[in-house]
Amino acid sequence: MMTDFTVGQIVTTKKNHPCGGNRWEILRVGADLILRCLKCGHHVMMSRARLEKSIR
């Protein structure tokens, strides 16, 4: 499944971040994506394939 991601899109993950949040804003799109936790502001770089598996 190939999902189109856009900058500014909010995604919800299956597992929570250690801060307790599970909503992320997409900051950069490419082969890897950069996400920002909406609860604590932590930035994470993740591959597109890994993100597709972890979102609801």
PDB file of N, CA and C in Angstrom:
ATOM      1  N   MET A   1       0.850  -1.179   0.000  1.00  0.00           N
ATOM      2  CA  MET A   1       0.000   0.000   0.000  1.00  0.00           C
ATOM      3  C   MET A   1       0.894   1.240   0.000  1.00  0.00           C
ATOM      4  N   MET A   2       0.692   2.119  -0.951  1.00  0.00           N
ATOM      5  CA  MET A   2       1.480   3.334  -1.041  1.00  0.00           C
ATOM      6  C   MET A   2       0.602   4.505  -0.626  1.00  0.00           C
ATOM      7  N   THR A   3       0.945   5.126   0.480  1.00  0.00           N
ATOM      8  CA  THR A   3       0.177   6.236   1.009  1.00  0.00           C
ATOM      9  C   THR A   3       0.858   7.540   0.634  1.00  0.00           C
ATOM     10  N   ASP A   4       0.085   8.524   0.226  1.00  0.00           N
ATOM     11  CA  ASP A   4       0.637   9.846  -0.064  1.00  0.00           C
ATOM     12  C   ASP A   4       0.648  10.664   1.209  1.00  0.00           C
ATOM     13  N   PHE A   5       1.816  11.168   1.570  1.00  0.00           N
ATOM     14  CA  PHE A   5       1.957  12.010   2.742  1.00  0.00           C
ATOM     15  C   PHE A   5       2.243  13.430   2.289  1.00  0.00           C
ATOM     16  N   THR A   6       1.722  14.413   3.018  1.00  0.00           N
ATOM     17  CA  THR A   6       1.967  15.815   2.692  1.00  0.00           C
ATOM     18  C   THR A   6       2.484  16.540   3.927  1.00  0.00           C
ATOM     19  N   VAL A   7       3.252  17.589   3.696  1.00  0.00           N
ATOM     20  CA  VAL A   7       3.763  18.404   4.802  1.00  0.00           C
ATOM     21  C   VAL A   7       2.577  19.053   5.511  1.00  0.00           C
ATOM     22  N   GLY A   8       2.578  18.985   6.839  1.00  0.00           N
ATOM     23  CA  GLY A   8       1.500  19.551   7.635  1.00  0.00           C
ATOM     24  C   GLY A   8       0.406  18.556   7.986  1.00  0.00           C
ATOM     25  N   GLN A   9       0.428  17.389   7.365  1.00  0.00           N
ATOM     26  CA  GLN A   9      -0.576  16.355   7.644  1.00  0.00           C
ATOM     27  C   GLN A   9      -0.363  15.805   9.051  1.00  0.00           C
ATOM     28  N   ILE A  10      -1.453  15.512   9.749  1.00  0.00           N
ATOM     29  CA  ILE A  10      -1.401  14.914  11.085  1.00  0.00           C
ATOM     30  C   ILE A  10      -1.711  13.427  10.945  1.00  0.00           C
ATOM     31  N   VAL A  11      -0.823  12.583  11.496  1.00  0.00           N
ATOM     32  CA  VAL A  11      -1.042  11.134  11.470  1.00  0.00           C
ATOM     33  C   VAL A  11      -1.117  10.611  12.898  1.00  0.00           C
ATOM     34  N   THR A  12      -1.868   9.532  13.083  1.00  0.00           N
ATOM     35  CA  THR A  12      -2.011   8.883  14.382  1.00  0.00           C
ATOM     36  C   THR A  12      -1.341   7.523  14.307  1.00  0.00           C
ATOM     37  N   THR A  13      -0.444   7.230  15.260  1.00  0.00           N
ATOM     38  CA  THR A  13       0.274   5.962  15.267  1.00  0.00           C
ATOM     39  C   THR A  13      -0.430   4.950  16.164  1.00  0.00           C
ATOM     40  N   LYS A  14      -0.134   3.673  15.922  1.00  0.00           N
ATOM     41  CA  LYS A  14      -0.721   2.595  16.716  1.00  0.00           C
ATOM     42  C   LYS A  14      -0.157   2.594  18.134  1.00  0.00           C
ATOM     43  N   LYS A  15       1.164   2.825  18.249  1.00  0.00           N
ATOM     44  CA  LYS A  15       1.806   2.833  19.568  1.00  0.00           C
ATOM     45  C   LYS A  15       2.054   4.276  20.011  1.00  0.00           C
ATOM     46  N   ASN A  16       1.990   4.493  21.311  1.00  0.00           N
ATOM     47  CA  ASN A  16       2.229   5.826  21.854  1.00  0.00           C
ATOM     48  C   ASN A  16       3.713   6.126  21.960  1.00  0.00           C
ATOM     49  N   HIS A  17       4.046   7.395  21.837  1.00  0.00           N
ATOM     50  CA  HIS A  17       5.394   7.899  22.115  1.00  0.00           C
ATOM     51  C   HIS A  17       5.585   7.812  23.634  1.00  0.00           C
ATOM     52  N   PRO A  18       6.814   7.738  24.152  1.00  0.00           N
ATOM     53  CA  PRO A  18       7.013   7.670  25.605  1.00  0.00           C
ATOM     54  C   PRO A  18       6.340   8.803  26.399  1.00  0.00           C
ATOM     55  N   CYS A  19       6.102   9.953  25.761  1.00  0.00           N
ATOM     56  CA  CYS A  19       5.421  11.056  26.454  1.00  0.00           C
ATOM     57  C   CYS A  19       3.922  10.795  26.588  1.00  0.00           C
ATOM     58  N   GLY A  20       3.400   9.808  25.869  1.00  0.00           N
ATOM     59  CA  GLY A  20       1.982   9.476  25.941  1.00  0.00           C
ATOM     60  C   GLY A  20       1.196   9.907  24.715  1.00  0.00           C
ATOM     61  N   GLY A  21       1.804  10.696  23.832  1.00  0.00           N
ATOM     62  CA  GLY A  21       1.110  11.165  22.635  1.00  0.00           C
ATOM     63  C   GLY A  21       1.222  10.162  21.501  1.00  0.00           C
ATOM     64  N   ASN A  22       0.214  10.161  20.616  1.00  0.00           N
ATOM     65  CA  ASN A  22       0.277   9.290  19.442  1.00  0.00           C
ATOM     66  C   ASN A  22      -0.088  10.034  18.167  1.00  0.00           C
ATOM     67  N   ARG A  23      -0.119  11.374  18.241  1.00  0.00           N
ATOM     68  CA  ARG A  23      -0.407  12.200  17.062  1.00  0.00           C
ATOM     69  C   ARG A  23       0.858  12.932  16.654  1.00  0.00           C
ATOM     70  N   TRP A  24       1.158  12.901  15.343  1.00  0.00           N
ATOM     71  CA  TRP A  24       2.396  13.451  14.804  1.00  0.00           C
ATOM     72  C   TRP A  24       2.082  14.347  13.615  1.00  0.00           C
ATOM     73  N   GLU A  25       2.848  15.435  13.465  1.00  0.00           N
ATOM     74  CA  GLU A  25       2.750  16.305  12.300  1.00  0.00           C
ATOM     75  C   GLU A  25       3.919  15.985  11.378  1.00  0.00           C
ATOM     76  N   ILE A  26       3.663  15.867  10.090  1.00  0.00           N
ATOM     77  CA  ILE A  26       4.717  15.605   9.115  1.00  0.00           C
ATOM     78  C   ILE A  26       5.375  16.923   8.746  1.00  0.00           C
ATOM     79  N   LEU A  27       6.701  17.010   8.948  1.00  0.00           N
ATOM     80  CA  LEU A  27       7.447  18.230   8.672  1.00  0.00           C
ATOM     81  C   LEU A  27       8.205  18.172   7.352  1.00  0.00           C
ATOM     82  N   ARG A  28       8.638  16.982   6.920  1.00  0.00           N
ATOM     83  CA  ARG A  28       9.395  16.838   5.676  1.00  0.00           C
ATOM     84  C   ARG A  28       9.009  15.523   5.021  1.00  0.00           C
ATOM     85  N   VAL A  29       8.881  15.543   3.700  1.00  0.00           N
ATOM     86  CA  VAL A  29       8.480  14.369   2.944  1.00  0.00           C
ATOM     87  C   VAL A  29       9.571  14.039   1.930  1.00  0.00           C
ATOM     88  N   GLY A  30       9.870  12.776   1.789  1.00  0.00           N
ATOM     89  CA  GLY A  30      10.864  12.271   0.834  1.00  0.00           C
ATOM     90  C   GLY A  30      10.948  10.779   1.018  1.00  0.00           C
ATOM     91  N   ALA A  31      12.119  10.194   0.785  1.00  0.00           N
ATOM     92  CA  ALA A  31      12.308   8.771   1.065  1.00  0.00           C
ATOM     93  C   ALA A  31      12.142   8.524   2.563  1.00  0.00           C
ATOM     94  N   ASP A  32      12.657   9.463   3.369  1.00  0.00           N
ATOM     95  CA  ASP A  32      12.433   9.466   4.814  1.00  0.00           C
ATOM     96  C   ASP A  32      11.532  10.640   5.148  1.00  0.00           C
ATOM     97  N   LEU A  33      10.784  10.509   6.221  1.00  0.00           N
ATOM     98  CA  LEU A  33       9.910  11.587   6.653  1.00  0.00           C
ATOM     99  C   LEU A  33      10.351  12.061   8.030  1.00  0.00           C
ATOM    100  N   ILE A  34      10.200  13.346   8.294  1.00  0.00           N
ATOM    101  CA  ILE A  34      10.475  13.879   9.621  1.00  0.00           C
ATOM    102  C   ILE A  34       9.138  14.209  10.257  1.00  0.00           C
ATOM    103  N   LEU A  35       8.938  13.689  11.465  1.00  0.00           N
ATOM    104  CA  LEU A  35       7.689  13.872  12.204  1.00  0.00           C
ATOM    105  C   LEU A  35       7.960  14.628  13.496  1.00  0.00           C
ATOM    106  N   ARG A  36       6.955  15.385  13.952  1.00  0.00           N
ATOM    107  CA  ARG A  36       7.051  16.077  15.236  1.00  0.00           C
ATOM    108  C   ARG A  36       5.877  15.647  16.099  1.00  0.00           C
ATOM    109  N   CYS A  37       6.186  15.189  17.319  1.00  0.00           N
ATOM    110  CA  CYS A  37       5.137  14.795  18.271  1.00  0.00           C
ATOM    111  C   CYS A  37       4.355  16.042  18.662  1.00  0.00           C
ATOM    112  N   LEU A  38       3.032  15.964  18.577  1.00  0.00           N
ATOM    113  CA  LEU A  38       2.207  17.125  18.908  1.00  0.00           C
ATOM    114  C   LEU A  38       2.076  17.344  20.411  1.00  0.00           C
ATOM    115  N   LYS A  39       2.450  16.350  21.211  1.00  0.00           N
ATOM    116  CA  LYS A  39       2.345  16.511  22.665  1.00  0.00           C
ATOM    117  C   LYS A  39       3.612  17.121  23.265  1.00  0.00           C
ATOM    118  N   CYS A  40       4.808  16.587  22.871  1.00  0.00           N
ATOM    119  CA  CYS A  40       6.041  17.060  23.503  1.00  0.00           C
ATOM    120  C   CYS A  40       6.969  17.805  22.549  1.00  0.00           C
ATOM    121  N   GLY A  41       6.710  17.749  21.230  1.00  0.00           N
ATOM    122  CA  GLY A  41       7.526  18.470  20.273  1.00  0.00           C
ATOM    123  C   GLY A  41       8.769  17.731  19.795  1.00  0.00           C
ATOM    124  N   HIS A  42       8.959  16.481  20.198  1.00  0.00           N
ATOM    125  CA  HIS A  42      10.131  15.683  19.805  1.00  0.00           C
ATOM    126  C   HIS A  42      10.090  15.396  18.301  1.00  0.00           C
ATOM    127  N   HIS A  43      11.253  15.491  17.628  1.00  0.00           N
ATOM    128  CA  HIS A  43      11.360  15.218  16.196  1.00  0.00           C
ATOM    129  C   HIS A  43      11.909  13.816  15.970  1.00  0.00           C
ATOM    130  N   VAL A  44      11.345  13.106  14.992  1.00  0.00           N
ATOM    131  CA  VAL A  44      11.775  11.751  14.659  1.00  0.00           C
ATOM    132  C   VAL A  44      11.876  11.640  13.140  1.00  0.00           C
ATOM    133  N   MET A  45      12.955  11.005  12.651  1.00  0.00           N
ATOM    134  CA  MET A  45      13.060  10.689  11.230  1.00  0.00           C
ATOM    135  C   MET A  45      12.718   9.219  11.051  1.00  0.00           C
ATOM    136  N   MET A  46      11.852   8.923  10.088  1.00  0.00           N
ATOM    137  CA  MET A  46      11.360   7.569   9.896  1.00  0.00           C
ATOM    138  C   MET A  46      11.248   7.287   8.405  1.00  0.00           C
ATOM    139  N   SER A  47      11.538   6.064   8.011  1.00  0.00           N
ATOM    140  CA  SER A  47      11.389   5.704   6.607  1.00  0.00           C
ATOM    141  C   SER A  47       9.897   5.643   6.256  1.00  0.00           C
ATOM    142  N   ARG A  48       9.621   5.848   4.998  1.00  0.00           N
ATOM    143  CA  ARG A  48       8.230   5.834   4.526  1.00  0.00           C
ATOM    144  C   ARG A  48       7.586   4.467   4.796  1.00  0.00           C
ATOM    145  N   ALA A  49       8.326   3.375   4.547  1.00  0.00           N
ATOM    146  CA  ALA A  49       7.781   2.023   4.748  1.00  0.00           C
ATOM    147  C   ALA A  49       7.446   1.791   6.219  1.00  0.00           C
ATOM    148  N   ARG A  50       8.329   2.224   7.115  1.00  0.00           N
ATOM    149  CA  ARG A  50       8.080   2.027   8.545  1.00  0.00           C
ATOM    150  C   ARG A  50       6.876   2.844   9.013  1.00  0.00           C
ATOM    151  N   LEU A  51       6.736   4.072   8.511  1.00  0.00           N
ATOM    152  CA  LEU A  51       5.591   4.900   8.893  1.00  0.00           C
ATOM    153  C   LEU A  51       4.284   4.292   8.406  1.00  0.00           C
ATOM    154  N   GLU A  52       4.279   3.770   7.176  1.00  0.00           N
ATOM    155  CA  GLU A  52       3.048   3.156   6.650  1.00  0.00           C
ATOM    156  C   GLU A  52       2.595   1.992   7.506  1.00  0.00           C
ATOM    157  N   LYS A  53       3.536   1.232   8.091  1.00  0.00           N
ATOM    158  CA  LYS A  53       3.187   0.114   8.959  1.00  0.00           C
ATOM    159  C   LYS A  53       2.682   0.571  10.327  1.00  0.00           C
ATOM    160  N   SER A  54       3.142   1.742  10.781  1.00  0.00           N
ATOM    161  CA  SER A  54       2.843   2.151  12.156  1.00  0.00           C
ATOM    162  C   SER A  54       1.653   3.092  12.298  1.00  0.00           C
ATOM    163  N   ILE A  55       1.037   3.548  11.189  1.00  0.00           N
ATOM    164  CA  ILE A  55      -0.101   4.464  11.330  1.00  0.00           C
ATOM    165  C   ILE A  55      -1.421   3.701  11.335  1.00  0.00           C
ATOM    166  N   ARG A  56      -2.431   4.336  11.900  1.00  0.00           N
ATOM    167  CA  ARG A  56      -3.774   3.753  11.927  1.00  0.00           C
ATOM    168  C   ARG A  56      -4.524   4.138  10.686  1.00  0.00           C
TER     169      ARG A  56
END
